[in-house]
């Protein structure tokens, strides 16, 4: 057990590297997105949420391509992408993008 913990400490993605602490800090974005789910859609910034979606998508690719492959960073950005896409859908519904106006006939 001690040898596996020591191996983790000294690994290329262990807690002595930015490959560990960067993703740990990025989990704050996920936590903030989860906390914002209880807020009304009018308080969501569509521009910022879209920017967070692009940011997480770019860094998912980075986490996959960097050597050594950073699965912690990948998991963080997959989670953030999921949360931000949900928030973006809440914002769009709040703006009325997915509702049909009553004076328009239904398309067939």
PDB file of N, CA and C in Angstrom:
ATOM      1  N   UNK A   1       0.831  -1.192   0.000  1.00  0.00           N
ATOM      2  CA  UNK A   1       0.000   0.000   0.000  1.00  0.00           C
ATOM      3  C   UNK A   1       0.874   1.253   0.000  1.00  0.00           C
ATOM      4  N   UNK A   2       1.883   1.272   0.856  1.00  0.00           N
ATOM      5  CA  UNK A   2       2.760   2.438   0.921  1.00  0.00           C
ATOM      6  C   UNK A   2       3.535   2.614  -0.370  1.00  0.00           C
ATOM      7  N   UNK A   3       3.917   1.525  -1.008  1.00  0.00           N
ATOM      8  CA  UNK A   3       4.674   1.646  -2.248  1.00  0.00           C
ATOM      9  C   UNK A   3       3.800   2.174  -3.388  1.00  0.00           C
ATOM     10  N   UNK A   4       2.521   1.797  -3.421  1.00  0.00           N
ATOM     11  CA  UNK A   4       1.632   2.316  -4.460  1.00  0.00           C
ATOM     12  C   UNK A   4       1.333   3.797  -4.220  1.00  0.00           C
ATOM     13  N   UNK A   5       1.212   4.195  -2.965  1.00  0.00           N
ATOM     14  CA  UNK A   5       1.005   5.606  -2.663  1.00  0.00           C
ATOM     15  C   UNK A   5       2.247   6.417  -3.040  1.00  0.00           C
ATOM     16  N   UNK A   6       3.408   5.879  -2.747  1.00  0.00           N
ATOM     17  CA  UNK A   6       4.664   6.546  -3.111  1.00  0.00           C
ATOM     18  C   UNK A   6       4.793   6.650  -4.633  1.00  0.00           C
ATOM     19  N   UNK A   7       4.383   5.611  -5.337  1.00  0.00           N
ATOM     20  CA  UNK A   7       4.406   5.640  -6.803  1.00  0.00           C
ATOM     21  C   UNK A   7       3.464   6.722  -7.338  1.00  0.00           C
ATOM     22  N   UNK A   8       2.292   6.857  -6.717  1.00  0.00           N
ATOM     23  CA  UNK A   8       1.351   7.910  -7.108  1.00  0.00           C
ATOM     24  C   UNK A   8       1.949   9.288  -6.850  1.00  0.00           C
ATOM     25  N   UNK A   9       2.562   9.472  -5.682  1.00  0.00           N
ATOM     26  CA  UNK A   9       3.171  10.767  -5.359  1.00  0.00           C
ATOM     27  C   UNK A   9       4.223  11.173  -6.377  1.00  0.00           C
ATOM     28  N   UNK A  10       4.994  10.230  -6.849  1.00  0.00           N
ATOM     29  CA  UNK A  10       6.094  10.531  -7.754  1.00  0.00           C
ATOM     30  C   UNK A  10       5.768  10.308  -9.229  1.00  0.00           C
ATOM     31  N   UNK A  11       4.521  10.012  -9.555  1.00  0.00           N
ATOM     32  CA  UNK A  11       4.152   9.765 -10.947  1.00  0.00           C
ATOM     33  C   UNK A  11       4.109  11.080 -11.733  1.00  0.00           C
ATOM     34  N   UNK A  12       4.143  10.998 -13.065  1.00  0.00           N
ATOM     35  CA  UNK A  12       4.102  12.203 -13.906  1.00  0.00           C
ATOM     36  C   UNK A  12       2.799  12.989 -13.795  1.00  0.00           C
ATOM     37  N   UNK A  13       1.749  12.373 -13.254  1.00  0.00           N
ATOM     38  CA  UNK A  13       0.482  13.080 -13.055  1.00  0.00           C
ATOM     39  C   UNK A  13       0.101  13.122 -11.578  1.00  0.00           C
ATOM     40  N   UNK A  14       1.069  12.967 -10.716  1.00  0.00           N
ATOM     41  CA  UNK A  14       0.823  12.960  -9.275  1.00  0.00           C
ATOM     42  C   UNK A  14       0.710  14.356  -8.693  1.00  0.00           C
ATOM     43  N   UNK A  15       0.503  14.446  -7.382  1.00  0.00           N
ATOM     44  CA  UNK A  15       0.259  15.730  -6.723  1.00  0.00           C
ATOM     45  C   UNK A  15       1.464  16.660  -6.662  1.00  0.00           C
ATOM     46  N   UNK A  16       2.586  16.255  -7.185  1.00  0.00           N
ATOM     47  CA  UNK A  16       3.750  17.141  -7.252  1.00  0.00           C
ATOM     48  C   UNK A  16       3.816  17.874  -8.590  1.00  0.00           C
ATOM     49  N   UNK A  17       2.776  17.733  -9.418  1.00  0.00           N
ATOM     50  CA  UNK A  17       2.800  18.305 -10.763  1.00  0.00           C
ATOM     51  C   UNK A  17       1.566  19.154 -11.034  1.00  0.00           C
ATOM     52  N   UNK A  18       1.649  19.976 -12.068  1.00  0.00           N
ATOM     53  CA  UNK A  18       0.479  20.745 -12.496  1.00  0.00           C
ATOM     54  C   UNK A  18      -0.539  19.850 -13.193  1.00  0.00           C
ATOM     55  N   UNK A  19      -0.120  18.661 -13.644  1.00  0.00           N
ATOM     56  CA  UNK A  19      -1.064  17.715 -14.245  1.00  0.00           C
ATOM     57  C   UNK A  19      -2.081  17.230 -13.222  1.00  0.00           C
ATOM     58  N   UNK A  20      -1.789  17.415 -11.947  1.00  0.00           N
ATOM     59  CA  UNK A  20      -2.718  17.045 -10.880  1.00  0.00           C
ATOM     60  C   UNK A  20      -3.490  18.269 -10.391  1.00  0.00           C
ATOM     61  N   UNK A  21      -2.782  19.348 -10.056  1.00  0.00           N
ATOM     62  CA  UNK A  21      -3.417  20.506  -9.423  1.00  0.00           C
ATOM     63  C   UNK A  21      -4.252  21.337 -10.392  1.00  0.00           C
ATOM     64  N   UNK A  22      -3.895  21.326 -11.666  1.00  0.00           N
ATOM     65  CA  UNK A  22      -4.723  22.030 -12.654  1.00  0.00           C
ATOM     66  C   UNK A  22      -6.136  21.473 -12.699  1.00  0.00           C
ATOM     67  N   UNK A  23      -6.289  20.160 -12.883  1.00  0.00           N
ATOM     68  CA  UNK A  23      -7.638  19.596 -12.889  1.00  0.00           C
ATOM     69  C   UNK A  23      -8.369  19.762 -11.558  1.00  0.00           C
ATOM     70  N   UNK A  24      -7.643  19.659 -10.462  1.00  0.00           N
ATOM     71  CA  UNK A  24      -8.291  19.836  -9.155  1.00  0.00           C
ATOM     72  C   UNK A  24      -8.913  21.226  -9.074  1.00  0.00           C
ATOM     73  N   UNK A  25      -8.164  22.236  -9.523  1.00  0.00           N
ATOM     74  CA  UNK A  25      -8.697  23.599  -9.510  1.00  0.00           C
ATOM     75  C   UNK A  25      -9.865  23.752 -10.481  1.00  0.00           C
ATOM     76  N   UNK A  26      -9.813  23.064 -11.622  1.00  0.00           N
ATOM     77  CA  UNK A  26     -10.877  23.173 -12.621  1.00  0.00           C
ATOM     78  C   UNK A  26     -12.192  22.553 -12.161  1.00  0.00           C
ATOM     79  N   UNK A  27     -12.152  21.685 -11.157  1.00  0.00           N
ATOM     80  CA  UNK A  27     -13.409  21.137 -10.643  1.00  0.00           C
ATOM     81  C   UNK A  27     -14.272  22.241 -10.042  1.00  0.00           C
ATOM     82  N   UNK A  28     -13.679  23.396  -9.757  1.00  0.00           N
ATOM     83  CA  UNK A  28     -14.455  24.541  -9.276  1.00  0.00           C
ATOM     84  C   UNK A  28     -15.476  25.010 -10.302  1.00  0.00           C
ATOM     85  N   UNK A  29     -15.133  24.915 -11.602  1.00  0.00           N
ATOM     86  CA  UNK A  29     -16.094  25.276 -12.646  1.00  0.00           C
ATOM     87  C   UNK A  29     -17.302  24.349 -12.615  1.00  0.00           C
ATOM     88  N   UNK A  30     -17.050  23.077 -12.404  1.00  0.00           N
ATOM     89  CA  UNK A  30     -18.141  22.097 -12.339  1.00  0.00           C
ATOM     90  C   UNK A  30     -19.016  22.382 -11.124  1.00  0.00           C
ATOM     91  N   UNK A  31     -18.380  22.628  -9.977  1.00  0.00           N
ATOM     92  CA  UNK A  31     -19.134  22.929  -8.751  1.00  0.00           C
ATOM     93  C   UNK A  31     -19.972  24.190  -8.915  1.00  0.00           C
ATOM     94  N   UNK A  32     -19.417  25.215  -9.553  1.00  0.00           N
ATOM     95  CA  UNK A  32     -20.163  26.461  -9.765  1.00  0.00           C
ATOM     96  C   UNK A  32     -21.356  26.229 -10.692  1.00  0.00           C
ATOM     97  N   UNK A  33     -21.151  25.440 -11.735  1.00  0.00           N
ATOM     98  CA  UNK A  33     -22.253  25.129 -12.648  1.00  0.00           C
ATOM     99  C   UNK A  33     -23.362  24.348 -11.970  1.00  0.00           C
ATOM    100  N   UNK A  34     -22.978  23.413 -11.124  1.00  0.00           N
ATOM    101  CA  UNK A  34     -23.985  22.650 -10.379  1.00  0.00           C
ATOM    102  C   UNK A  34     -24.747  23.536  -9.404  1.00  0.00           C
ATOM    103  N   UNK A  35     -24.045  24.461  -8.756  1.00  0.00           N
ATOM    104  CA  UNK A  35     -24.701  25.378  -7.823  1.00  0.00           C
ATOM    105  C   UNK A  35     -25.656  26.316  -8.550  1.00  0.00           C
ATOM    106  N   UNK A  36     -25.337  26.672  -9.787  1.00  0.00           N
ATOM    107  CA  UNK A  36     -26.181  27.589 -10.560  1.00  0.00           C
ATOM    108  C   UNK A  36     -27.441  26.935 -11.108  1.00  0.00           C
ATOM    109  N   UNK A  37     -27.566  25.625 -10.990  1.00  0.00           N
ATOM    110  CA  UNK A  37     -28.756  24.955 -11.519  1.00  0.00           C
ATOM    111  C   UNK A  37     -30.032  25.364 -10.794  1.00  0.00           C
ATOM    112  N   UNK A  38     -29.898  25.875  -9.580  1.00  0.00           N
ATOM    113  CA  UNK A  38     -31.076  26.296  -8.824  1.00  0.00           C
ATOM    114  C   UNK A  38     -31.453  27.740  -9.086  1.00  0.00           C
ATOM    115  N   UNK A  39     -30.636  28.461  -9.823  1.00  0.00           N
ATOM    116  CA  UNK A  39     -30.919  29.863 -10.132  1.00  0.00           C
ATOM    117  C   UNK A  39     -31.857  29.947 -11.330  1.00  0.00           C
ATOM    118  N   UNK A  40     -32.623  31.035 -11.422  1.00  0.00           N
ATOM    119  CA  UNK A  40     -33.528  31.166 -12.566  1.00  0.00           C
ATOM    120  C   UNK A  40     -32.746  31.353 -13.875  1.00  0.00           C
ATOM    121  N   UNK A  41     -33.299  30.894 -14.985  1.00  0.00           N
ATOM    122  CA  UNK A  41     -32.603  30.988 -16.279  1.00  0.00           C
ATOM    123  C   UNK A  41     -32.280  32.426 -16.692  1.00  0.00           C
ATOM    124  N   UNK A  42     -33.011  33.387 -16.179  1.00  0.00           N
ATOM    125  CA  UNK A  42     -32.755  34.788 -16.524  1.00  0.00           C
ATOM    126  C   UNK A  42     -31.392  35.260 -16.027  1.00  0.00           C
ATOM    127  N   UNK A  43     -30.838  34.570 -15.047  1.00  0.00           N
ATOM    128  CA  UNK A  43     -29.548  34.962 -14.487  1.00  0.00           C
ATOM    129  C   UNK A  43     -28.369  34.323 -15.224  1.00  0.00           C
ATOM    130  N   UNK A  44     -28.640  33.440 -16.176  1.00  0.00           N
ATOM    131  CA  UNK A  44     -27.583  32.752 -16.909  1.00  0.00           C
ATOM    132  C   UNK A  44     -27.106  33.640 -18.047  1.00  0.00           C
ATOM    133  N   UNK A  45     -25.811  33.781 -18.192  1.00  0.00           N
ATOM    134  CA  UNK A  45     -25.225  34.500 -19.320  1.00  0.00           C
ATOM    135  C   UNK A  45     -25.004  33.509 -20.460  1.00  0.00           C
ATOM    136  N   UNK A  46     -25.729  33.712 -21.544  1.00  0.00           N
ATOM    137  CA  UNK A  46     -25.588  32.829 -22.698  1.00  0.00           C
ATOM    138  C   UNK A  46     -24.190  32.890 -23.293  1.00  0.00           C
ATOM    139  N   UNK A  47     -23.615  34.095 -23.374  1.00  0.00           N
ATOM    140  CA  UNK A  47     -22.273  34.247 -23.943  1.00  0.00           C
ATOM    141  C   UNK A  47     -21.223  33.537 -23.086  1.00  0.00           C
ATOM    142  N   UNK A  48     -21.297  33.715 -21.786  1.00  0.00           N
ATOM    143  CA  UNK A  48     -20.294  33.094 -20.910  1.00  0.00           C
ATOM    144  C   UNK A  48     -20.439  31.582 -20.890  1.00  0.00           C
ATOM    145  N   UNK A  49     -21.666  31.106 -20.885  1.00  0.00           N
ATOM    146  CA  UNK A  49     -21.898  29.669 -20.874  1.00  0.00           C
ATOM    147  C   UNK A  49     -21.407  29.042 -22.179  1.00  0.00           C
ATOM    148  N   UNK A  50     -21.647  29.711 -23.298  1.00  0.00           N
ATOM    149  CA  UNK A  50     -21.143  29.209 -24.584  1.00  0.00           C
ATOM    150  C   UNK A  50     -19.622  29.209 -24.594  1.00  0.00           C
ATOM    151  N   UNK A  51     -19.010  30.239 -24.031  1.00  0.00           N
ATOM    152  CA  UNK A  51     -17.542  30.291 -23.951  1.00  0.00           C
ATOM    153  C   UNK A  51     -17.007  29.146 -23.093  1.00  0.00           C
ATOM    154  N   UNK A  52     -17.690  28.834 -21.998  1.00  0.00           N
ATOM    155  CA  UNK A  52     -17.264  27.718 -21.149  1.00  0.00           C
ATOM    156  C   UNK A  52     -17.395  26.384 -21.885  1.00  0.00           C
ATOM    157  N   UNK A  53     -18.413  26.253 -22.740  1.00  0.00           N
ATOM    158  CA  UNK A  53     -18.571  25.036 -23.535  1.00  0.00           C
ATOM    159  C   UNK A  53     -17.402  24.871 -24.504  1.00  0.00           C
ATOM    160  N   UNK A  54     -17.040  25.960 -25.184  1.00  0.00           N
ATOM    161  CA  UNK A  54     -15.915  25.902 -26.126  1.00  0.00           C
ATOM    162  C   UNK A  54     -14.619  25.603 -25.370  1.00  0.00           C
ATOM    163  N   UNK A  55     -14.417  26.273 -24.235  1.00  0.00           N
ATOM    164  CA  UNK A  55     -13.216  26.071 -23.412  1.00  0.00           C
ATOM    165  C   UNK A  55     -13.072  24.602 -23.000  1.00  0.00           C
ATOM    166  N   UNK A  56     -14.144  24.023 -22.498  1.00  0.00           N
ATOM    167  CA  UNK A  56     -14.067  22.635 -22.043  1.00  0.00           C
ATOM    168  C   UNK A  56     -13.861  21.673 -23.204  1.00  0.00           C
ATOM    169  N   UNK A  57     -14.486  21.965 -24.342  1.00  0.00           N
ATOM    170  CA  UNK A  57     -14.296  21.096 -25.506  1.00  0.00           C
ATOM    171  C   UNK A  57     -12.836  21.119 -25.964  1.00  0.00           C
ATOM    172  N   UNK A  58     -12.233  22.296 -25.998  1.00  0.00           N
ATOM    173  CA  UNK A  58     -10.830  22.399 -26.398  1.00  0.00           C
ATOM    174  C   UNK A  58      -9.914  21.671 -25.423  1.00  0.00           C
ATOM    175  N   UNK A  59     -10.172  21.842 -24.146  1.00  0.00           N
ATOM    176  CA  UNK A  59      -9.296  21.216 -23.160  1.00  0.00           C
ATOM    177  C   UNK A  59      -9.551  19.721 -22.994  1.00  0.00           C
ATOM    178  N   UNK A  60     -10.728  19.226 -23.420  1.00  0.00           N
ATOM    179  CA  UNK A  60     -10.915  17.773 -23.458  1.00  0.00           C
ATOM    180  C   UNK A  60      -9.936  17.173 -24.463  1.00  0.00           C
ATOM    181  N   UNK A  61      -9.816  17.817 -25.613  1.00  0.00           N
ATOM    182  CA  UNK A  61      -8.876  17.329 -26.620  1.00  0.00           C
ATOM    183  C   UNK A  61      -7.443  17.425 -26.100  1.00  0.00           C
ATOM    184  N   UNK A  62      -7.115  18.543 -25.456  1.00  0.00           N
ATOM    185  CA  UNK A  62      -5.769  18.700 -24.902  1.00  0.00           C
ATOM    186  C   UNK A  62      -5.456  17.595 -23.905  1.00  0.00           C
ATOM    187  N   UNK A  63      -6.399  17.321 -22.999  1.00  0.00           N
ATOM    188  CA  UNK A  63      -6.180  16.299 -21.968  1.00  0.00           C
ATOM    189  C   UNK A  63      -5.973  14.932 -22.595  1.00  0.00           C
ATOM    190  N   UNK A  64      -6.617  14.685 -23.738  1.00  0.00           N
ATOM    191  CA  UNK A  64      -6.464  13.400 -24.407  1.00  0.00           C
ATOM    192  C   UNK A  64      -5.133  13.314 -25.148  1.00  0.00           C
ATOM    193  N   UNK A  65      -4.676  14.427 -25.713  1.00  0.00           N
ATOM    194  CA  UNK A  65      -3.479  14.412 -26.555  1.00  0.00           C
ATOM    195  C   UNK A  65      -2.173  14.589 -25.783  1.00  0.00           C
ATOM    196  N   UNK A  66      -2.218  15.239 -24.622  1.00  0.00           N
ATOM    197  CA  UNK A  66      -0.993  15.505 -23.869  1.00  0.00           C
ATOM    198  C   UNK A  66      -0.382  14.187 -23.382  1.00  0.00           C
ATOM    199  N   UNK A  67       0.930  14.166 -23.294  1.00  0.00           N
ATOM    200  CA  UNK A  67       1.617  12.976 -22.781  1.00  0.00           C
ATOM    201  C   UNK A  67       2.300  13.324 -21.474  1.00  0.00           C
ATOM    202  N   UNK A  68       2.094  12.639 -20.396  1.00  0.00           N
ATOM    203  CA  UNK A  68       1.208  11.486 -20.264  1.00  0.00           C
ATOM    204  C   UNK A  68      -0.254  11.922 -20.315  1.00  0.00           C
ATOM    205  N   UNK A  69      -1.091  11.056 -20.833  1.00  0.00           N
ATOM    206  CA  UNK A  69      -2.517  11.356 -20.973  1.00  0.00           C
ATOM    207  C   UNK A  69      -3.097  11.683 -19.601  1.00  0.00           C
ATOM    208  N   UNK A  70      -3.837  12.784 -19.529  1.00  0.00           N
ATOM    209  CA  UNK A  70      -4.328  13.270 -18.247  1.00  0.00           C
ATOM    210  C   UNK A  70      -5.821  12.954 -18.103  1.00  0.00           C
ATOM    211  N   UNK A  71      -6.116  11.811 -17.513  1.00  0.00           N
ATOM    212  CA  UNK A  71      -7.500  11.374 -17.361  1.00  0.00           C
ATOM    213  C   UNK A  71      -8.267  12.211 -16.342  1.00  0.00           C
ATOM    214  N   UNK A  72      -7.580  12.732 -15.344  1.00  0.00           N
ATOM    215  CA  UNK A  72      -8.241  13.591 -14.351  1.00  0.00           C
ATOM    216  C   UNK A  72      -8.726  14.878 -15.007  1.00  0.00           C
ATOM    217  N   UNK A  73      -7.898  15.478 -15.849  1.00  0.00           N
ATOM    218  CA  UNK A  73      -8.296  16.685 -16.576  1.00  0.00           C
ATOM    219  C   UNK A  73      -9.410  16.373 -17.569  1.00  0.00           C
ATOM    220  N   UNK A  74      -9.325  15.243 -18.227  1.00  0.00           N
ATOM    221  CA  UNK A  74     -10.366  14.844 -19.172  1.00  0.00           C
ATOM    222  C   UNK A  74     -11.707  14.676 -18.456  1.00  0.00           C
ATOM    223  N   UNK A  75     -11.714  14.001 -17.331  1.00  0.00           N
ATOM    224  CA  UNK A  75     -12.958  13.800 -16.567  1.00  0.00           C
ATOM    225  C   UNK A  75     -13.536  15.136 -16.109  1.00  0.00           C
ATOM    226  N   UNK A  76     -12.657  16.025 -15.684  1.00  0.00           N
ATOM    227  CA  UNK A  76     -13.098  17.345 -15.239  1.00  0.00           C
ATOM    228  C   UNK A  76     -13.798  18.099 -16.368  1.00  0.00           C
ATOM    229  N   UNK A  77     -13.190  18.110 -17.552  1.00  0.00           N
ATOM    230  CA  UNK A  77     -13.766  18.875 -18.658  1.00  0.00           C
ATOM    231  C   UNK A  77     -14.974  18.195 -19.286  1.00  0.00           C
ATOM    232  N   UNK A  78     -15.044  16.876 -19.249  1.00  0.00           N
ATOM    233  CA  UNK A  78     -16.261  16.192 -19.689  1.00  0.00           C
ATOM    234  C   UNK A  78     -17.410  16.561 -18.759  1.00  0.00           C
ATOM    235  N   UNK A  79     -17.147  16.576 -17.468  1.00  0.00           N
ATOM    236  CA  UNK A  79     -18.175  16.957 -16.492  1.00  0.00           C
ATOM    237  C   UNK A  79     -18.594  18.403 -16.684  1.00  0.00           C
ATOM    238  N   UNK A  80     -17.614  19.291 -16.885  1.00  0.00           N
ATOM    239  CA  UNK A  80     -17.943  20.705 -17.076  1.00  0.00           C
ATOM    240  C   UNK A  80     -18.712  20.918 -18.375  1.00  0.00           C
ATOM    241  N   UNK A  81     -18.337  20.223 -19.426  1.00  0.00           N
ATOM    242  CA  UNK A  81     -19.065  20.347 -20.699  1.00  0.00           C
ATOM    243  C   UNK A  81     -20.519  19.928 -20.515  1.00  0.00           C
ATOM    244  N   UNK A  82     -20.742  18.856 -19.792  1.00  0.00           N
ATOM    245  CA  UNK A  82     -22.104  18.379 -19.542  1.00  0.00           C
ATOM    246  C   UNK A  82     -22.918  19.417 -18.773  1.00  0.00           C
ATOM    247  N   UNK A  83     -22.342  19.941 -17.705  1.00  0.00           N
ATOM    248  CA  UNK A  83     -23.036  20.941 -16.885  1.00  0.00           C
ATOM    249  C   UNK A  83     -23.304  22.207 -17.690  1.00  0.00           C
ATOM    250  N   UNK A  84     -22.313  22.665 -18.444  1.00  0.00           N
ATOM    251  CA  UNK A  84     -22.479  23.915 -19.194  1.00  0.00           C
ATOM    252  C   UNK A  84     -23.474  23.761 -20.343  1.00  0.00           C
ATOM    253  N   UNK A  85     -23.497  22.613 -21.005  1.00  0.00           N
ATOM    254  CA  UNK A  85     -24.491  22.393 -22.058  1.00  0.00           C
ATOM    255  C   UNK A  85     -25.906  22.378 -21.478  1.00  0.00           C
ATOM    256  N   UNK A  86     -26.050  21.808 -20.286  1.00  0.00           N
ATOM    257  CA  UNK A  86     -27.362  21.836 -19.632  1.00  0.00           C
ATOM    258  C   UNK A  86     -27.753  23.279 -19.298  1.00  0.00           C
ATOM    259  N   UNK A  87     -26.797  24.043 -18.777  1.00  0.00           N
ATOM    260  CA  UNK A  87     -27.073  25.441 -18.451  1.00  0.00           C
ATOM    261  C   UNK A  87     -27.415  26.236 -19.718  1.00  0.00           C
ATOM    262  N   UNK A  88     -26.717  25.952 -20.808  1.00  0.00           N
ATOM    263  CA  UNK A  88     -26.999  26.634 -22.071  1.00  0.00           C
ATOM    264  C   UNK A  88     -28.399  26.293 -22.567  1.00  0.00           C
ATOM    265  N   UNK A  89     -28.824  25.047 -22.390  1.00  0.00           N
ATOM    266  CA  UNK A  89     -30.186  24.677 -22.791  1.00  0.00           C
ATOM    267  C   UNK A  89     -31.220  25.367 -21.905  1.00  0.00           C
ATOM    268  N   UNK A  90     -30.915  25.513 -20.603  1.00  0.00           N
ATOM    269  CA  UNK A  90     -31.826  26.250 -19.713  1.00  0.00           C
ATOM    270  C   UNK A  90     -31.939  27.703 -20.149  1.00  0.00           C
ATOM    271  N   UNK A  91     -30.798  28.308 -20.510  1.00  0.00           N
ATOM    272  CA  UNK A  91     -30.793  29.704 -20.954  1.00  0.00           C
ATOM    273  C   UNK A  91     -31.618  29.853 -22.235  1.00  0.00           C
ATOM    274  N   UNK A  92     -31.412  28.931 -23.198  1.00  0.00           N
ATOM    275  CA  UNK A  92     -32.125  28.996 -24.478  1.00  0.00           C
ATOM    276  C   UNK A  92     -33.630  28.828 -24.278  1.00  0.00           C
ATOM    277  N   UNK A  93     -34.022  27.894 -23.413  1.00  0.00           N
ATOM    278  CA  UNK A  93     -35.453  27.738 -23.121  1.00  0.00           C
ATOM    279  C   UNK A  93     -36.002  28.986 -22.452  1.00  0.00           C
ATOM    280  N   UNK A  94     -35.222  29.580 -21.564  1.00  0.00           N
ATOM    281  CA  UNK A  94     -35.655  30.815 -20.897  1.00  0.00           C
ATOM    282  C   UNK A  94     -35.799  31.986 -21.852  1.00  0.00           C
ATOM    283  N   UNK A  95     -34.994  31.983 -22.921  1.00  0.00           N
ATOM    284  CA  UNK A  95     -35.083  33.022 -23.952  1.00  0.00           C
ATOM    285  C   UNK A  95     -36.197  32.747 -24.953  1.00  0.00           C
ATOM    286  N   UNK A  96     -36.786  31.568 -24.878  1.00  0.00           N
ATOM    287  CA  UNK A  96     -37.887  31.205 -25.763  1.00  0.00           C
ATOM    288  C   UNK A  96     -37.458  30.607 -27.085  1.00  0.00           C
ATOM    289  N   UNK A  97     -36.246  30.119 -27.197  1.00  0.00           N
ATOM    290  CA  UNK A  97     -35.769  29.553 -28.454  1.00  0.00           C
ATOM    291  C   UNK A  97     -36.418  28.214 -28.794  1.00  0.00           C
ATOM    292  N   UNK A  98     -36.946  27.518 -27.828  1.00  0.00           N
ATOM    293  CA  UNK A  98     -37.525  26.203 -28.080  1.00  0.00           C
ATOM    294  C   UNK A  98     -39.045  26.200 -27.954  1.00  0.00           C
ATOM    295  N   UNK A  99     -39.647  27.352 -27.901  1.00  0.00           N
ATOM    296  CA  UNK A  99     -41.112  27.404 -27.779  1.00  0.00           C
ATOM    297  C   UNK A  99     -41.702  27.917 -29.078  1.00  0.00           C
ATOM    298  N   UNK A 100     -42.880  27.420 -29.397  1.00  0.00           N
ATOM    299  CA  UNK A 100     -43.568  27.846 -30.599  1.00  0.00           C
ATOM    300  C   UNK A 100     -44.514  28.978 -30.235  1.00  0.00           C
ATOM    301  N   UNK A 101     -44.484  30.036 -31.021  1.00  0.00           N
ATOM    302  CA  UNK A 101     -45.377  31.166 -30.765  1.00  0.00           C
ATOM    303  C   UNK A 101     -46.814  30.748 -31.076  1.00  0.00           C
ATOM    304  N   UNK A 102     -47.773  31.283 -30.303  1.00  0.00           N
ATOM    305  CA  UNK A 102     -49.168  30.870 -30.435  1.00  0.00           C
ATOM    306  C   UNK A 102     -49.781  31.327 -31.751  1.00  0.00           C
ATOM    307  N   UNK A 103     -49.299  32.424 -32.329  1.00  0.00           N
ATOM    308  CA  UNK A 103     -49.905  32.912 -33.557  1.00  0.00           C
ATOM    309  C   UNK A 103     -49.336  32.233 -34.821  1.00  0.00           C
ATOM    310  N   UNK A 104     -48.343  31.366 -34.652  1.00  0.00           N
ATOM    311  CA  UNK A 104     -47.782  30.644 -35.787  1.00  0.00           C
ATOM    312  C   UNK A 104     -48.448  29.270 -35.896  1.00  0.00           C
ATOM    313  N   UNK A 105     -48.791  28.861 -37.127  1.00  0.00           N
ATOM    314  CA  UNK A 105     -49.374  27.513 -37.268  1.00  0.00           C
ATOM    315  C   UNK A 105     -48.291  26.443 -37.064  1.00  0.00           C
ATOM    316  N   UNK A 106     -48.740  25.309 -36.624  1.00  0.00           N
ATOM    317  CA  UNK A 106     -47.807  24.185 -36.417  1.00  0.00           C
ATOM    318  C   UNK A 106     -47.339  23.676 -37.774  1.00  0.00           C
ATOM    319  N   UNK A 107     -46.046  23.407 -37.882  1.00  0.00           N
ATOM    320  CA  UNK A 107     -45.521  22.862 -39.141  1.00  0.00           C
ATOM    321  C   UNK A 107     -45.809  21.370 -39.204  1.00  0.00           C
ATOM    322  N   UNK A 108     -46.089  20.890 -40.401  1.00  0.00           N
ATOM    323  CA  UNK A 108     -46.453  19.470 -40.533  1.00  0.00           C
ATOM    324  C   UNK A 108     -45.481  18.725 -41.369  1.00  0.00           C
TER     325      UNK A 108
END
